[in-house]
Amino acid sequence: MLLPRSTGLHTTLLSLSQLPSLYLMDVTVGYPGIPNGGYGQAYYTLRSIFLEGVPPPEVHYHVRLYNVQRDVPLYAPSTSSIPQAIMDDPSLNLEQRRVLAQNMSKRPHLLEPGEEDKQAFDTWLRERWFEKDDLMEKWYQGGQKRLGTGSGNEQEVVIPLELRTPGEIMDGFCWFAPALVGYVFFKNF
């Protein structure tokens, strides 16, 4: 798994936090048959899939959505750098959010997170990361059919992915044709 980069994500979410319905999507991908500690991209490469015809038998996704206004700690609870409007009413209407965004752009120091804010967000993000790590470890060791936490509010969606014709393989490579033609043209003339 890749380690989370909390500073860039925190800054991005702070900048976008005035949007009325901003969600953070957490996607975990699992391939059955990969040994514990292995990485799917080491077993299923573009070469193995397209040239050797060995795709993964299935790909499992576990997707979680976090409402940034409600679920993500952009500011530490004890921080005074939070604009009062955000603290008092996280469900502002669109016009109120526009006014708030305009005021914040005039006073960019309101978007500057303090060290406590960064630490609170970093801690939250690492907790999610440990949850993902736990989820993958249980899935690989337990040999479960589904990648999930087992809570009742999960639902399974099965999407069959298969080529309708062998010519569809070329769809992935057709974008290189103009570059190849341009290269050959300029090299010869």
N, C-alpha and C. Protein backbone atom coordinates (compact mmCIF):
# COMPACT_ATOMS: atom_id res chain seq x y z
N MET A 1 0.83 -1.19 0.00
CA MET A 1 0.00 0.00 0.00
C MET A 1 0.87 1.25 0.00
N LEU A 2 0.38 2.27 -0.63
CA LEU A 2 1.08 3.55 -0.62
C LEU A 2 0.81 4.25 0.70
N LEU A 3 1.79 4.94 1.22
CA LEU A 3 1.58 5.70 2.45
C LEU A 3 0.83 6.98 2.15
N PRO A 4 -0.02 7.41 3.05
CA PRO A 4 -0.81 8.63 2.78
C PRO A 4 0.05 9.88 2.84
N ARG A 5 -0.29 10.83 2.01
CA ARG A 5 0.36 12.13 1.99
C ARG A 5 -0.62 13.13 2.59
N SER A 6 -0.49 13.39 3.87
CA SER A 6 -1.52 14.15 4.56
C SER A 6 -1.45 15.65 4.27
N THR A 7 -0.28 16.21 4.09
CA THR A 7 -0.18 17.67 3.93
C THR A 7 -0.87 18.14 2.65
N GLY A 8 -0.59 17.50 1.54
CA GLY A 8 -1.20 17.91 0.28
C GLY A 8 -2.71 17.70 0.28
N LEU A 9 -3.16 16.56 0.81
CA LEU A 9 -4.60 16.30 0.87
C LEU A 9 -5.28 17.28 1.81
N HIS A 10 -4.67 17.58 2.93
CA HIS A 10 -5.25 18.52 3.89
C HIS A 10 -5.39 19.91 3.26
N THR A 11 -4.36 20.37 2.60
CA THR A 11 -4.40 21.68 1.94
C THR A 11 -5.47 21.72 0.86
N THR A 12 -5.55 20.66 0.08
CA THR A 12 -6.55 20.60 -0.99
C THR A 12 -7.96 20.62 -0.41
N LEU A 13 -8.21 19.81 0.61
CA LEU A 13 -9.54 19.77 1.20
C LEU A 13 -9.89 21.10 1.87
N LEU A 14 -8.93 21.76 2.49
CA LEU A 14 -9.19 23.08 3.07
C LEU A 14 -9.60 24.07 1.99
N SER A 15 -8.90 24.03 0.86
CA SER A 15 -9.21 24.95 -0.23
C SER A 15 -10.58 24.69 -0.83
N LEU A 16 -10.97 23.42 -0.87
CA LEU A 16 -12.26 23.06 -1.48
C LEU A 16 -13.39 22.96 -0.46
N SER A 17 -13.11 23.18 0.81
CA SER A 17 -14.10 22.90 1.85
C SER A 17 -15.32 23.82 1.80
N GLN A 18 -15.29 24.89 1.02
CA GLN A 18 -16.46 25.76 0.93
C GLN A 18 -17.50 25.23 -0.06
N LEU A 19 -17.15 24.18 -0.80
CA LEU A 19 -18.12 23.60 -1.73
C LEU A 19 -19.26 22.98 -0.93
N PRO A 20 -20.49 23.11 -1.43
CA PRO A 20 -21.65 22.67 -0.64
C PRO A 20 -21.69 21.17 -0.35
N SER A 21 -21.26 20.35 -1.27
CA SER A 21 -21.33 18.91 -1.03
C SER A 21 -20.03 18.26 -1.48
N LEU A 22 -19.01 18.42 -0.67
CA LEU A 22 -17.70 17.87 -0.98
C LEU A 22 -17.53 16.55 -0.25
N TYR A 23 -17.19 15.51 -0.99
CA TYR A 23 -16.97 14.19 -0.41
C TYR A 23 -15.56 13.72 -0.73
N LEU A 24 -14.98 13.00 0.19
CA LEU A 24 -13.69 12.36 0.00
C LEU A 24 -13.96 10.88 -0.24
N MET A 25 -13.48 10.36 -1.35
CA MET A 25 -13.71 8.96 -1.71
C MET A 25 -12.48 8.14 -1.36
N ASP A 26 -12.71 7.11 -0.58
CA ASP A 26 -11.65 6.19 -0.16
C ASP A 26 -11.88 4.88 -0.90
N VAL A 27 -10.95 4.51 -1.77
CA VAL A 27 -11.08 3.30 -2.58
C VAL A 27 -9.96 2.33 -2.21
N THR A 28 -10.35 1.10 -1.89
CA THR A 28 -9.40 0.03 -1.61
C THR A 28 -9.61 -1.04 -2.68
N VAL A 29 -8.54 -1.49 -3.32
CA VAL A 29 -8.62 -2.46 -4.40
C VAL A 29 -7.94 -3.75 -3.96
N GLY A 30 -8.63 -4.87 -4.18
CA GLY A 30 -8.06 -6.16 -3.83
C GLY A 30 -8.16 -7.15 -4.99
N TYR A 31 -7.11 -7.94 -5.17
CA TYR A 31 -7.09 -8.98 -6.20
C TYR A 31 -7.01 -10.32 -5.49
N PRO A 32 -7.94 -11.24 -5.77
CA PRO A 32 -7.85 -12.55 -5.12
C PRO A 32 -6.63 -13.33 -5.63
N GLY A 33 -6.06 -14.14 -4.73
CA GLY A 33 -4.93 -14.99 -5.12
C GLY A 33 -3.57 -14.37 -4.91
N ILE A 34 -3.51 -13.12 -4.50
CA ILE A 34 -2.23 -12.46 -4.24
C ILE A 34 -1.81 -12.85 -2.82
N PRO A 35 -0.58 -13.31 -2.62
CA PRO A 35 -0.16 -13.66 -1.25
C PRO A 35 -0.10 -12.44 -0.35
N ASN A 36 -0.25 -12.68 0.95
CA ASN A 36 -0.20 -11.60 1.93
C ASN A 36 1.15 -10.87 1.81
N GLY A 37 1.09 -9.56 1.74
CA GLY A 37 2.30 -8.77 1.59
C GLY A 37 2.67 -8.53 0.13
N GLY A 38 1.97 -9.18 -0.80
CA GLY A 38 2.23 -8.98 -2.22
C GLY A 38 1.41 -7.82 -2.77
N TYR A 39 1.75 -7.38 -3.94
CA TYR A 39 1.06 -6.27 -4.58
C TYR A 39 0.47 -6.74 -5.90
N GLY A 40 -0.77 -6.39 -6.14
CA GLY A 40 -1.46 -6.79 -7.36
C GLY A 40 -0.76 -6.34 -8.62
N GLN A 41 -0.19 -5.14 -8.59
CA GLN A 41 0.47 -4.63 -9.79
C GLN A 41 1.72 -5.41 -10.14
N ALA A 42 2.26 -6.18 -9.20
CA ALA A 42 3.43 -7.01 -9.49
C ALA A 42 3.00 -8.29 -10.21
N TYR A 43 1.77 -8.72 -10.01
CA TYR A 43 1.28 -9.96 -10.62
C TYR A 43 0.50 -9.70 -11.90
N TYR A 44 -0.27 -8.62 -11.93
CA TYR A 44 -1.10 -8.31 -13.09
C TYR A 44 -0.62 -7.00 -13.70
N THR A 45 0.30 -7.11 -14.62
CA THR A 45 0.86 -5.94 -15.30
C THR A 45 0.12 -5.73 -16.61
N LEU A 46 0.35 -4.60 -17.25
CA LEU A 46 -0.24 -4.37 -18.57
C LEU A 46 0.21 -5.45 -19.56
N ARG A 47 1.46 -5.85 -19.43
CA ARG A 47 1.97 -6.88 -20.32
C ARG A 47 1.23 -8.20 -20.11
N SER A 48 1.07 -8.61 -18.84
CA SER A 48 0.40 -9.89 -18.59
C SER A 48 -1.06 -9.85 -19.00
N ILE A 49 -1.70 -8.70 -18.85
CA ILE A 49 -3.12 -8.60 -19.18
C ILE A 49 -3.33 -8.54 -20.69
N PHE A 50 -2.63 -7.62 -21.37
CA PHE A 50 -2.92 -7.39 -22.79
C PHE A 50 -2.12 -8.29 -23.74
N LEU A 51 -0.89 -8.58 -23.43
CA LEU A 51 -0.07 -9.35 -24.35
C LEU A 51 -0.12 -10.85 -24.06
N GLU A 52 -0.14 -11.21 -22.78
CA GLU A 52 -0.14 -12.63 -22.44
C GLU A 52 -1.54 -13.16 -22.14
N GLY A 53 -2.52 -12.26 -22.06
CA GLY A 53 -3.90 -12.68 -21.84
C GLY A 53 -4.17 -13.24 -20.46
N VAL A 54 -3.46 -12.75 -19.45
CA VAL A 54 -3.65 -13.24 -18.08
C VAL A 54 -4.14 -12.09 -17.21
N PRO A 55 -5.45 -11.83 -17.22
CA PRO A 55 -5.98 -10.78 -16.35
C PRO A 55 -6.28 -11.35 -14.96
N PRO A 56 -6.51 -10.49 -13.98
CA PRO A 56 -6.93 -11.01 -12.68
C PRO A 56 -8.30 -11.66 -12.82
N PRO A 57 -8.57 -12.74 -12.09
CA PRO A 57 -9.87 -13.38 -12.22
C PRO A 57 -11.01 -12.47 -11.78
N GLU A 58 -10.76 -11.64 -10.79
CA GLU A 58 -11.73 -10.67 -10.29
C GLU A 58 -10.96 -9.49 -9.72
N VAL A 59 -11.62 -8.35 -9.64
CA VAL A 59 -11.07 -7.19 -8.97
C VAL A 59 -12.13 -6.71 -7.99
N HIS A 60 -11.77 -6.59 -6.73
CA HIS A 60 -12.70 -6.18 -5.69
C HIS A 60 -12.38 -4.76 -5.26
N TYR A 61 -13.41 -3.94 -5.18
CA TYR A 61 -13.26 -2.57 -4.73
C TYR A 61 -14.08 -2.38 -3.45
N HIS A 62 -13.50 -1.71 -2.50
CA HIS A 62 -14.22 -1.30 -1.30
C HIS A 62 -14.19 0.22 -1.31
N VAL A 63 -15.36 0.84 -1.41
CA VAL A 63 -15.45 2.29 -1.57
C VAL A 63 -16.18 2.88 -0.36
N ARG A 64 -15.59 3.91 0.22
CA ARG A 64 -16.24 4.65 1.30
C ARG A 64 -16.24 6.13 0.94
N LEU A 65 -17.32 6.80 1.26
CA LEU A 65 -17.43 8.23 1.05
C LEU A 65 -17.47 8.93 2.40
N TYR A 66 -16.69 9.98 2.53
CA TYR A 66 -16.69 10.79 3.73
C TYR A 66 -17.16 12.19 3.37
N ASN A 67 -18.16 12.68 4.06
CA ASN A 67 -18.59 14.06 3.88
C ASN A 67 -17.54 14.93 4.55
N VAL A 68 -16.88 15.77 3.77
CA VAL A 68 -15.75 16.55 4.28
C VAL A 68 -16.20 17.51 5.38
N GLN A 69 -17.39 18.11 5.23
CA GLN A 69 -17.88 19.05 6.23
C GLN A 69 -18.14 18.37 7.57
N ARG A 70 -18.61 17.13 7.51
CA ARG A 70 -19.09 16.45 8.71
C ARG A 70 -18.11 15.42 9.28
N ASP A 71 -17.42 14.69 8.40
CA ASP A 71 -16.66 13.52 8.83
C ASP A 71 -15.15 13.69 8.88
N VAL A 72 -14.63 14.72 8.24
CA VAL A 72 -13.17 14.88 8.14
C VAL A 72 -12.72 16.03 9.03
N PRO A 73 -11.81 15.78 9.96
CA PRO A 73 -11.35 16.86 10.86
C PRO A 73 -10.32 17.76 10.19
N LEU A 74 -10.81 18.77 9.48
CA LEU A 74 -9.89 19.71 8.83
C LEU A 74 -9.23 20.62 9.85
N TYR A 75 -9.93 20.88 10.95
CA TYR A 75 -9.40 21.73 12.00
C TYR A 75 -9.42 20.96 13.31
N ALA A 76 -8.43 21.19 14.15
CA ALA A 76 -8.41 20.58 15.48
C ALA A 76 -9.53 21.20 16.31
N PRO A 77 -10.16 20.45 17.20
CA PRO A 77 -11.27 20.99 17.99
C PRO A 77 -10.90 22.22 18.82
N SER A 78 -9.65 22.34 19.24
CA SER A 78 -9.27 23.46 20.10
C SER A 78 -8.70 24.64 19.33
N THR A 79 -8.71 24.57 18.00
CA THR A 79 -8.07 25.61 17.19
C THR A 79 -8.96 26.83 17.06
N SER A 80 -8.36 27.99 17.16
CA SER A 80 -9.13 29.23 17.01
C SER A 80 -9.04 29.78 15.60
N SER A 81 -8.31 29.09 14.69
CA SER A 81 -8.17 29.60 13.33
C SER A 81 -9.36 29.24 12.46
N ILE A 82 -10.34 28.54 13.02
CA ILE A 82 -11.52 28.16 12.24
C ILE A 82 -12.42 29.38 12.09
N PRO A 83 -12.85 29.67 10.89
CA PRO A 83 -13.83 30.74 10.72
C PRO A 83 -15.10 30.41 11.50
N GLN A 84 -15.64 31.39 12.21
CA GLN A 84 -16.78 31.17 13.08
C GLN A 84 -17.98 30.61 12.31
N ALA A 85 -18.17 31.04 11.06
CA ALA A 85 -19.31 30.57 10.28
C ALA A 85 -19.24 29.07 10.03
N ILE A 86 -18.03 28.55 9.82
CA ILE A 86 -17.88 27.11 9.59
C ILE A 86 -18.14 26.35 10.89
N MET A 87 -17.65 26.89 12.01
CA MET A 87 -17.86 26.22 13.29
C MET A 87 -19.34 26.17 13.66
N ASP A 88 -20.04 27.26 13.46
CA ASP A 88 -21.43 27.35 13.91
C ASP A 88 -22.41 26.60 13.01
N ASP A 89 -22.19 26.61 11.71
CA ASP A 89 -23.18 26.04 10.80
C ASP A 89 -22.51 25.32 9.64
N PRO A 90 -22.28 24.02 9.77
CA PRO A 90 -21.64 23.29 8.68
C PRO A 90 -22.57 23.05 7.49
N SER A 91 -23.85 23.40 7.62
CA SER A 91 -24.78 23.17 6.51
C SER A 91 -25.23 24.50 5.91
N LEU A 92 -24.28 25.35 5.57
CA LEU A 92 -24.60 26.64 4.94
C LEU A 92 -25.18 26.42 3.56
N ASN A 93 -26.08 27.33 3.14
CA ASN A 93 -26.60 27.21 1.77
C ASN A 93 -25.56 27.73 0.79
N LEU A 94 -25.83 27.55 -0.49
CA LEU A 94 -24.85 27.86 -1.52
C LEU A 94 -24.45 29.33 -1.51
N GLU A 95 -25.42 30.24 -1.36
CA GLU A 95 -25.11 31.66 -1.35
C GLU A 95 -24.23 32.03 -0.16
N GLN A 96 -24.52 31.46 1.00
CA GLN A 96 -23.70 31.72 2.18
C GLN A 96 -22.28 31.20 1.98
N ARG A 97 -22.15 30.07 1.32
CA ARG A 97 -20.83 29.51 1.06
C ARG A 97 -20.05 30.38 0.09
N ARG A 98 -20.74 30.95 -0.89
CA ARG A 98 -20.06 31.86 -1.83
C ARG A 98 -19.51 33.07 -1.10
N VAL A 99 -20.33 33.65 -0.22
CA VAL A 99 -19.89 34.81 0.55
C VAL A 99 -18.71 34.42 1.43
N LEU A 100 -18.81 33.27 2.08
CA LEU A 100 -17.72 32.81 2.94
C LEU A 100 -16.44 32.59 2.14
N ALA A 101 -16.56 31.95 0.96
CA ALA A 101 -15.39 31.72 0.12
C ALA A 101 -14.77 33.03 -0.33
N GLN A 102 -15.63 34.01 -0.67
CA GLN A 102 -15.12 35.31 -1.09
C GLN A 102 -14.39 35.99 0.07
N ASN A 103 -14.94 35.92 1.26
CA ASN A 103 -14.28 36.52 2.43
C ASN A 103 -12.96 35.82 2.73
N MET A 104 -12.94 34.51 2.59
CA MET A 104 -11.72 33.76 2.88
C MET A 104 -10.65 34.05 1.84
N SER A 105 -11.05 34.31 0.59
CA SER A 105 -10.05 34.62 -0.42
C SER A 105 -9.43 35.99 -0.16
N LYS A 106 -10.19 36.88 0.49
CA LYS A 106 -9.64 38.19 0.84
C LYS A 106 -8.75 38.09 2.08
N ARG A 107 -8.99 37.05 2.90
CA ARG A 107 -8.19 36.84 4.11
C ARG A 107 -7.65 35.41 4.07
N PRO A 108 -6.63 35.16 3.25
CA PRO A 108 -6.15 33.79 3.07
C PRO A 108 -5.57 33.16 4.32
N HIS A 109 -5.25 33.97 5.34
CA HIS A 109 -4.71 33.39 6.57
C HIS A 109 -5.73 32.47 7.24
N LEU A 110 -7.03 32.64 6.90
CA LEU A 110 -8.05 31.75 7.47
C LEU A 110 -7.91 30.33 6.94
N LEU A 111 -7.30 30.19 5.77
CA LEU A 111 -7.11 28.86 5.20
C LEU A 111 -5.81 28.21 5.67
N GLU A 112 -4.99 28.95 6.37
CA GLU A 112 -3.72 28.41 6.85
C GLU A 112 -3.97 27.54 8.08
N PRO A 113 -3.73 26.25 7.96
CA PRO A 113 -3.93 25.39 9.12
C PRO A 113 -2.77 25.53 10.11
N GLY A 114 -3.09 25.45 11.38
CA GLY A 114 -2.06 25.45 12.41
C GLY A 114 -1.48 24.05 12.57
N GLU A 115 -0.48 23.93 13.43
CA GLU A 115 0.15 22.62 13.66
C GLU A 115 -0.84 21.64 14.27
N GLU A 116 -1.71 22.12 15.18
CA GLU A 116 -2.72 21.24 15.78
C GLU A 116 -3.68 20.72 14.71
N ASP A 117 -4.04 21.60 13.78
CA ASP A 117 -4.94 21.20 12.70
C ASP A 117 -4.31 20.11 11.85
N LYS A 118 -3.05 20.32 11.49
CA LYS A 118 -2.34 19.35 10.66
C LYS A 118 -2.22 18.01 11.39
N GLN A 119 -1.94 18.07 12.68
CA GLN A 119 -1.79 16.85 13.48
C GLN A 119 -3.11 16.10 13.59
N ALA A 120 -4.21 16.83 13.80
CA ALA A 120 -5.53 16.19 13.91
C ALA A 120 -5.89 15.49 12.60
N PHE A 121 -5.64 16.16 11.48
CA PHE A 121 -5.95 15.56 10.18
C PHE A 121 -5.05 14.37 9.90
N ASP A 122 -3.76 14.51 10.20
CA ASP A 122 -2.80 13.43 9.98
C ASP A 122 -3.18 12.20 10.80
N THR A 123 -3.59 12.40 12.03
CA THR A 123 -4.01 11.29 12.89
C THR A 123 -5.25 10.61 12.31
N TRP A 124 -6.23 11.40 11.88
CA TRP A 124 -7.45 10.84 11.28
C TRP A 124 -7.11 10.03 10.03
N LEU A 125 -6.25 10.58 9.18
CA LEU A 125 -5.90 9.90 7.92
C LEU A 125 -5.14 8.60 8.21
N ARG A 126 -4.24 8.61 9.14
CA ARG A 126 -3.50 7.38 9.48
C ARG A 126 -4.41 6.32 10.08
N GLU A 127 -5.43 6.74 10.85
CA GLU A 127 -6.40 5.77 11.37
C GLU A 127 -7.15 5.10 10.23
N ARG A 128 -7.53 5.89 9.22
CA ARG A 128 -8.21 5.29 8.04
C ARG A 128 -7.25 4.33 7.35
N TRP A 129 -5.97 4.69 7.29
CA TRP A 129 -4.97 3.85 6.63
C TRP A 129 -4.80 2.53 7.36
N PHE A 130 -4.77 2.58 8.69
CA PHE A 130 -4.67 1.34 9.46
C PHE A 130 -5.91 0.47 9.26
N GLU A 131 -7.08 1.11 9.13
CA GLU A 131 -8.31 0.36 8.84
C GLU A 131 -8.19 -0.35 7.50
N LYS A 132 -7.68 0.35 6.49
CA LYS A 132 -7.50 -0.25 5.17
C LYS A 132 -6.51 -1.42 5.23
N ASP A 133 -5.43 -1.22 5.95
CA ASP A 133 -4.42 -2.26 6.10
C ASP A 133 -5.02 -3.49 6.78
N ASP A 134 -5.79 -3.27 7.82
CA ASP A 134 -6.50 -4.35 8.52
C ASP A 134 -7.47 -5.07 7.60
N LEU A 135 -8.22 -4.28 6.84
CA LEU A 135 -9.20 -4.84 5.91
C LEU A 135 -8.52 -5.76 4.89
N MET A 136 -7.41 -5.30 4.32
CA MET A 136 -6.71 -6.10 3.32
C MET A 136 -6.09 -7.34 3.94
N GLU A 137 -5.52 -7.21 5.13
CA GLU A 137 -4.89 -8.35 5.78
C GLU A 137 -5.93 -9.43 6.09
N LYS A 138 -7.09 -9.02 6.62
CA LYS A 138 -8.15 -9.99 6.92
C LYS A 138 -8.67 -10.63 5.64
N TRP A 139 -8.77 -9.85 4.59
CA TRP A 139 -9.30 -10.38 3.33
C TRP A 139 -8.35 -11.40 2.72
N TYR A 140 -7.05 -11.08 2.70
CA TYR A 140 -6.09 -12.01 2.12
C TYR A 140 -5.91 -13.26 2.98
N GLN A 141 -5.91 -13.11 4.29
CA GLN A 141 -5.73 -14.27 5.17
C GLN A 141 -6.99 -15.11 5.26
N GLY A 142 -8.15 -14.47 5.28
CA GLY A 142 -9.40 -15.19 5.46
C GLY A 142 -9.96 -15.80 4.19
N GLY A 143 -9.49 -15.37 3.05
CA GLY A 143 -9.98 -15.90 1.79
C GLY A 143 -11.45 -15.59 1.55
N GLN A 144 -11.92 -14.44 2.07
CA GLN A 144 -13.32 -14.09 1.88
C GLN A 144 -13.61 -13.79 0.42
N LYS A 145 -14.86 -13.98 0.07
CA LYS A 145 -15.30 -13.70 -1.30
C LYS A 145 -15.41 -12.20 -1.55
N ARG A 146 -15.84 -11.46 -0.52
CA ARG A 146 -16.05 -10.02 -0.66
C ARG A 146 -15.00 -9.24 0.12
N LEU A 147 -14.67 -8.09 -0.41
CA LEU A 147 -13.77 -7.17 0.28
C LEU A 147 -14.66 -6.17 1.01
N GLY A 148 -14.77 -6.30 2.32
CA GLY A 148 -15.63 -5.41 3.08
C GLY A 148 -15.41 -5.58 4.56
N THR A 149 -16.03 -4.69 5.32
CA THR A 149 -15.85 -4.71 6.77
C THR A 149 -16.85 -5.62 7.46
N GLY A 150 -17.91 -6.00 6.75
CA GLY A 150 -18.92 -6.86 7.34
C GLY A 150 -20.03 -6.09 8.02
N SER A 151 -20.00 -4.77 7.94
CA SER A 151 -21.08 -3.99 8.54
C SER A 151 -22.33 -4.12 7.68
N GLY A 152 -23.46 -3.88 8.26
CA GLY A 152 -24.73 -4.08 7.57
C GLY A 152 -25.03 -3.07 6.49
N ASN A 153 -24.35 -1.93 6.47
CA ASN A 153 -24.68 -0.91 5.48
C ASN A 153 -23.85 -1.00 4.21
N GLU A 154 -23.23 -2.14 3.96
CA GLU A 154 -22.47 -2.34 2.73
C GLU A 154 -23.35 -3.07 1.72
N GLN A 155 -23.12 -2.78 0.46
CA GLN A 155 -23.82 -3.52 -0.57
C GLN A 155 -22.84 -3.92 -1.65
N GLU A 156 -23.10 -5.06 -2.24
CA GLU A 156 -22.21 -5.59 -3.26
C GLU A 156 -22.78 -5.25 -4.64
N VAL A 157 -21.92 -4.76 -5.50
CA VAL A 157 -22.28 -4.47 -6.88
C VAL A 157 -21.33 -5.26 -7.76
N VAL A 158 -21.87 -6.08 -8.63
CA VAL A 158 -21.05 -6.91 -9.51
C VAL A 158 -21.16 -6.33 -10.92
N ILE A 159 -20.02 -6.01 -11.48
CA ILE A 159 -19.97 -5.46 -12.84
C ILE A 159 -19.10 -6.38 -13.67
N PRO A 160 -19.68 -7.14 -14.58
CA PRO A 160 -18.85 -8.02 -15.41
C PRO A 160 -18.06 -7.20 -16.43
N LEU A 161 -16.77 -7.46 -16.49
CA LEU A 161 -15.91 -6.78 -17.45
C LEU A 161 -15.29 -7.82 -18.36
N GLU A 162 -15.65 -7.75 -19.61
CA GLU A 162 -15.03 -8.64 -20.58
C GLU A 162 -15.10 -7.99 -21.95
N LEU A 163 -14.18 -8.36 -22.79
CA LEU A 163 -14.15 -7.82 -24.15
C LEU A 163 -15.29 -8.40 -24.97
N ARG A 164 -15.93 -7.54 -25.74
CA ARG A 164 -16.97 -8.03 -26.65
C ARG A 164 -16.34 -8.59 -27.92
N THR A 165 -15.26 -7.94 -28.35
CA THR A 165 -14.54 -8.40 -29.53
C THR A 165 -13.04 -8.25 -29.26
N PRO A 166 -12.22 -9.06 -29.92
CA PRO A 166 -10.77 -8.90 -29.74
C PRO A 166 -10.27 -7.53 -30.21
N GLY A 167 -10.98 -6.89 -31.10
CA GLY A 167 -10.57 -5.57 -31.59
C GLY A 167 -10.60 -4.50 -30.53
N GLU A 168 -11.33 -4.73 -29.45
CA GLU A 168 -11.39 -3.73 -28.38
C GLU A 168 -10.03 -3.54 -27.70
N ILE A 169 -9.15 -4.51 -27.82
CA ILE A 169 -7.81 -4.36 -27.25
C ILE A 169 -7.11 -3.17 -27.90
N MET A 170 -7.35 -2.97 -29.19
CA MET A 170 -6.70 -1.88 -29.91
C MET A 170 -7.20 -0.51 -29.45
N ASP A 171 -8.39 -0.45 -28.84
CA ASP A 171 -8.90 0.83 -28.36
C ASP A 171 -7.94 1.47 -27.35
N GLY A 172 -7.28 0.66 -26.58
CA GLY A 172 -6.34 1.19 -25.61
C GLY A 172 -5.06 1.73 -26.23
N PHE A 173 -4.76 1.30 -27.43
CA PHE A 173 -3.51 1.70 -28.08
C PHE A 173 -3.72 2.67 -29.24
N CYS A 174 -4.97 2.91 -29.65
CA CYS A 174 -5.22 3.75 -30.83
C CYS A 174 -4.79 5.20 -30.61
N TRP A 175 -4.67 5.63 -29.37
CA TRP A 175 -4.27 7.00 -29.11
C TRP A 175 -2.81 7.25 -29.46
N PHE A 176 -2.03 6.21 -29.60
CA PHE A 176 -0.63 6.37 -29.96
C PHE A 176 -0.45 6.49 -31.48
N ALA A 177 -1.45 6.13 -32.25
CA ALA A 177 -1.33 6.14 -33.71
C ALA A 177 -0.99 7.52 -34.25
N PRO A 178 -1.67 8.61 -33.87
CA PRO A 178 -1.29 9.93 -34.40
C PRO A 178 0.15 10.31 -34.06
N ALA A 179 0.60 9.97 -32.86
CA ALA A 179 1.99 10.29 -32.48
C ALA A 179 2.96 9.49 -33.34
N LEU A 180 2.66 8.25 -33.60
CA LEU A 180 3.51 7.41 -34.42
C LEU A 180 3.55 7.93 -35.86
N VAL A 181 2.41 8.30 -36.40
CA VAL A 181 2.36 8.84 -37.76
C VAL A 181 3.15 10.14 -37.83
N GLY A 182 2.98 11.01 -36.82
CA GLY A 182 3.73 12.28 -36.80
C GLY A 182 5.22 12.04 -36.70
N TYR A 183 5.63 11.08 -35.90
CA TYR A 183 7.04 10.76 -35.76
C TYR A 183 7.63 10.27 -37.07
N VAL A 184 6.94 9.33 -37.71
CA VAL A 184 7.42 8.78 -38.98
C VAL A 184 7.46 9.87 -40.04
N PHE A 185 6.43 10.73 -40.07
CA PHE A 185 6.36 11.79 -41.07
C PHE A 185 7.54 12.76 -40.91
N PHE A 186 7.78 13.24 -39.69
CA PHE A 186 8.83 14.21 -39.49
C PHE A 186 10.22 13.60 -39.58
N LYS A 187 10.35 12.33 -39.30
CA LYS A 187 11.65 11.68 -39.41
C LYS A 187 12.05 11.50 -40.87
N ASN A 188 11.08 11.23 -41.72
CA ASN A 188 11.37 10.96 -43.14
C ASN A 188 11.37 12.22 -44.00
N PHE A 189 10.77 13.29 -43.54
CA PHE A 189 10.71 14.49 -44.39
C PHE A 189 11.40 15.65 -43.79
